[in-house]
Amino acid sequence: MMSIEQTSQLLQLILNSLILGGICVVVLLVLALRQQRSWGQLQDISKVWNRSMSRDLHPGDRPPDLRDRVQDVRRRYRQERQSLLLVYYAFAANLGSTVLLALRAFIPWNGLIVASLGFFLCSLGLLLWTVLRLIAQALRTPSRQRSPRRLPQPSPQASPPTVIALRGWKRSPPLLSPDGPPQPERLR
């Protein structure tokens, strides 16, 4: 039988786990909304990309920052997906902590409290790491806002550009497949 002091401490530990679980749920909802927004942006950019490819434009004739925007949105989508996964793990560890504390009310073994605290600390660490990653990501300047790359200016005495026939030139594949989110580009 547990004393009143032990019961009070157990209830405080359960309350702490429930509060951390609520915080995890709020962060999960925010990340899910951000990921949904990034997915919509990726779809919009891929439509622009596919339109520019369907006109058989030379890669130099596409909007100049289109490739950078696509890479920025892909990177942001990937980072948000990783952050969402980390918060899921934190939430699962927090649920484990709460279940172990609830079991301690029925099973008189103090090892359950130690295991519960381990799960709680793991959950707290994952949540803090994810939030710090998100803050660092928000403070980082996207590449399209960095200083633009300077193209060499033609000299006034330069000869006109030479047009080269593009035999065997293939269009790039569409960025968005109907099967799901885009995969990172693979190097050949």
Protein backbone atom coordinates (compact mmCIF):
# COMPACT_ATOMS: atom_id res chain seq x y z
CA MET A 1 0.00 0.00 0.00
CA MET A 2 1.29 3.47 -0.93
CA SER A 3 1.44 6.26 1.59
CA ILE A 4 -0.27 9.60 1.04
CA GLU A 5 3.07 11.24 0.19
CA GLN A 6 3.88 8.57 -2.42
CA THR A 7 0.41 8.90 -3.94
CA SER A 8 0.80 12.67 -4.12
CA GLN A 9 4.18 12.35 -5.85
CA LEU A 10 2.80 9.79 -8.29
CA LEU A 11 -0.07 12.10 -9.20
CA GLN A 12 2.38 14.98 -9.75
CA LEU A 13 4.48 12.81 -12.07
CA ILE A 14 1.38 11.76 -14.02
CA LEU A 15 0.30 15.41 -14.28
CA ASN A 16 3.75 16.40 -15.61
CA SER A 17 3.52 13.65 -18.23
CA LEU A 18 0.06 14.80 -19.28
CA ILE A 19 1.20 18.43 -19.60
CA LEU A 20 4.18 17.38 -21.73
CA GLY A 21 1.81 15.25 -23.82
CA GLY A 22 -0.38 18.29 -24.43
CA ILE A 23 2.64 20.31 -25.52
CA CYS A 24 3.64 17.50 -27.89
CA VAL A 25 0.15 17.51 -29.43
CA VAL A 26 0.25 21.29 -29.99
CA VAL A 27 3.69 21.06 -31.64
CA LEU A 28 2.48 18.14 -33.78
CA LEU A 29 -0.50 20.17 -35.01
CA VAL A 30 1.68 23.18 -35.83
CA LEU A 31 4.19 21.02 -37.71
CA ALA A 32 1.42 19.21 -39.60
CA LEU A 33 -0.02 22.56 -40.75
CA ARG A 34 3.42 23.80 -41.81
CA GLN A 35 4.10 20.60 -43.72
CA GLN A 36 0.72 20.87 -45.45
CA ARG A 37 1.58 24.44 -46.50
CA SER A 38 4.96 23.32 -47.85
CA TRP A 39 3.28 20.51 -49.77
CA GLY A 40 0.92 23.03 -51.39
CA GLN A 41 3.84 25.29 -52.30
CA LEU A 42 5.69 22.33 -53.80
CA GLN A 43 2.66 21.46 -55.92
CA ASP A 44 2.36 25.07 -57.15
CA ILE A 45 6.05 25.29 -58.01
CA SER A 46 5.96 21.93 -59.77
CA LYS A 47 3.08 23.17 -61.95
CA VAL A 48 5.18 26.17 -62.98
CA TRP A 49 8.15 23.89 -63.61
CA ASN A 50 6.09 21.48 -65.73
CA ARG A 51 4.62 24.38 -67.73
CA SER A 52 8.09 25.72 -68.44
CA MET A 53 9.21 22.24 -69.48
CA SER A 54 6.20 21.63 -71.75
CA ARG A 55 7.13 24.69 -73.82
CA ASP A 56 10.47 23.06 -74.66
CA LEU A 57 12.32 26.01 -73.22
CA HIS A 58 16.04 25.98 -72.93
CA PRO A 59 17.03 25.69 -69.23
CA GLY A 60 18.45 29.22 -69.40
CA ASP A 61 15.05 30.59 -70.47
CA ARG A 62 13.22 29.41 -67.34
CA PRO A 63 12.53 31.84 -64.53
CA PRO A 64 15.97 32.41 -62.98
CA ASP A 65 15.15 31.50 -59.40
CA LEU A 66 12.79 28.58 -60.13
CA ARG A 67 15.35 25.86 -59.42
CA ASP A 68 16.42 27.60 -56.19
CA ARG A 69 12.80 27.92 -55.07
CA VAL A 70 12.16 24.25 -55.78
CA GLN A 71 15.24 23.25 -53.77
CA ASP A 72 14.26 25.56 -50.88
CA VAL A 73 10.73 24.15 -50.68
CA ARG A 74 11.99 20.56 -50.96
CA ARG A 75 14.53 21.14 -48.20
CA ARG A 76 11.93 22.79 -45.97
CA TYR A 77 9.46 19.95 -46.61
CA ARG A 78 12.11 17.36 -45.75
CA GLN A 79 13.11 19.19 -42.55
CA GLU A 80 9.50 19.55 -41.46
CA ARG A 81 8.89 15.85 -42.11
CA GLN A 82 11.93 14.97 -39.96
CA SER A 83 10.78 17.33 -37.20
CA LEU A 84 7.30 15.82 -37.31
CA LEU A 85 8.79 12.35 -36.91
CA LEU A 86 10.88 13.49 -33.92
CA VAL A 87 7.82 14.93 -32.21
CA TYR A 88 5.92 11.68 -32.86
CA TYR A 89 8.75 9.84 -31.09
CA ALA A 90 8.63 12.33 -28.22
CA PHE A 91 4.86 11.84 -27.92
CA ALA A 92 5.24 8.04 -27.96
CA ALA A 93 7.90 8.20 -25.22
CA ASN A 94 5.63 10.46 -23.20
CA LEU A 95 2.74 8.02 -23.54
CA GLY A 96 5.07 5.25 -22.38
CA SER A 97 6.00 7.33 -19.36
CA THR A 98 2.35 7.95 -18.48
CA VAL A 99 1.44 4.27 -18.86
CA LEU A 100 4.34 3.19 -16.62
CA LEU A 101 3.26 5.68 -13.96
CA ALA A 102 -0.31 4.42 -14.15
CA LEU A 103 0.95 0.84 -13.78
CA ARG A 104 2.88 1.89 -10.67
CA ALA A 105 -0.43 2.68 -8.99
CA PHE A 106 -1.34 -1.02 -9.30
CA ILE A 107 2.05 -2.77 -9.15
CA PRO A 108 4.22 -1.98 -6.10
CA TRP A 109 7.59 -1.95 -7.91
CA ASN A 110 9.70 1.22 -7.78
CA GLY A 111 11.55 0.30 -10.99
CA LEU A 112 8.48 1.47 -12.92
CA ILE A 113 9.03 5.01 -11.66
CA VAL A 114 12.69 4.98 -12.74
CA ALA A 115 11.74 3.66 -16.20
CA SER A 116 8.97 6.26 -16.41
CA LEU A 117 11.38 9.07 -15.62
CA GLY A 118 13.73 7.76 -18.32
CA PHE A 119 10.93 7.87 -20.88
CA PHE A 120 9.91 11.33 -19.67
CA LEU A 121 13.46 12.71 -20.04
CA CYS A 122 13.77 11.13 -23.49
CA SER A 123 10.49 12.73 -24.52
CA LEU A 124 11.51 16.11 -23.13
CA GLY A 125 14.91 15.94 -24.86
CA LEU A 126 13.40 15.06 -28.25
CA LEU A 127 10.84 17.85 -27.95
CA LEU A 128 13.46 20.45 -26.99
CA TRP A 129 15.77 19.33 -29.78
CA THR A 130 12.96 19.62 -32.32
CA VAL A 131 11.94 23.09 -31.13
CA LEU A 132 15.57 24.28 -31.23
CA ARG A 133 15.90 22.88 -34.78
CA LEU A 134 12.78 24.75 -35.83
CA ILE A 135 14.07 27.99 -34.32
CA ALA A 136 17.41 27.56 -36.10
CA GLN A 137 15.57 26.84 -39.35
CA ALA A 138 13.47 29.99 -38.96
CA LEU A 139 16.57 32.12 -38.32
CA ARG A 140 18.40 30.73 -41.34
CA THR A 141 18.11 32.86 -44.48
CA PRO A 142 16.62 31.02 -47.48
CA SER A 143 18.89 30.86 -50.50
CA ARG A 144 16.59 33.00 -52.64
CA GLN A 145 17.01 35.88 -50.18
CA ARG A 146 20.79 35.64 -50.20
CA SER A 147 22.73 37.86 -52.52
CA PRO A 148 22.04 36.85 -56.12
CA ARG A 149 24.75 35.26 -58.15
CA ARG A 150 26.25 37.74 -60.56
CA LEU A 151 26.22 36.72 -64.20
CA PRO A 152 29.14 37.93 -66.26
CA GLN A 153 28.21 41.04 -68.18
CA PRO A 154 29.02 40.89 -71.90
CA SER A 155 31.59 43.37 -73.08
CA PRO A 156 30.42 45.88 -75.72
CA GLN A 157 32.84 44.42 -78.28
CA ALA A 158 31.79 40.79 -77.72
CA SER A 159 30.53 38.74 -80.64
CA PRO A 160 26.86 37.67 -80.71
CA PRO A 161 26.07 34.41 -78.92
CA THR A 162 26.29 31.19 -80.87
CA VAL A 163 23.12 29.08 -81.08
CA ILE A 164 23.79 25.37 -80.60
CA ALA A 165 21.28 22.74 -81.71
CA LEU A 166 20.22 20.55 -78.82
CA ARG A 167 20.07 17.09 -80.37
CA GLY A 168 19.14 14.36 -77.95
CA TRP A 169 18.21 16.89 -75.26
CA LYS A 170 15.57 15.43 -72.97
CA ARG A 171 13.16 17.26 -70.76
CA SER A 172 13.58 16.97 -67.04
CA PRO A 173 11.03 14.70 -65.37
CA PRO A 174 8.12 16.35 -63.58
CA LEU A 175 8.88 17.34 -60.00
CA LEU A 176 5.64 16.03 -58.58
CA SER A 177 4.47 12.48 -59.08
CA PRO A 178 0.90 11.37 -58.42
CA ASP A 179 2.26 8.67 -56.08
CA GLY A 180 3.18 11.02 -53.27
CA PRO A 181 5.71 13.59 -52.15
CA PRO A 182 8.75 14.19 -54.33
CA GLN A 183 11.91 12.28 -53.71
CA PRO A 184 15.29 13.98 -53.53
CA GLU A 185 17.17 14.22 -56.80
CA ARG A 186 19.69 11.48 -57.29
CA LEU A 187 23.15 12.18 -58.67
CA ARG A 188 24.27 10.07 -61.58
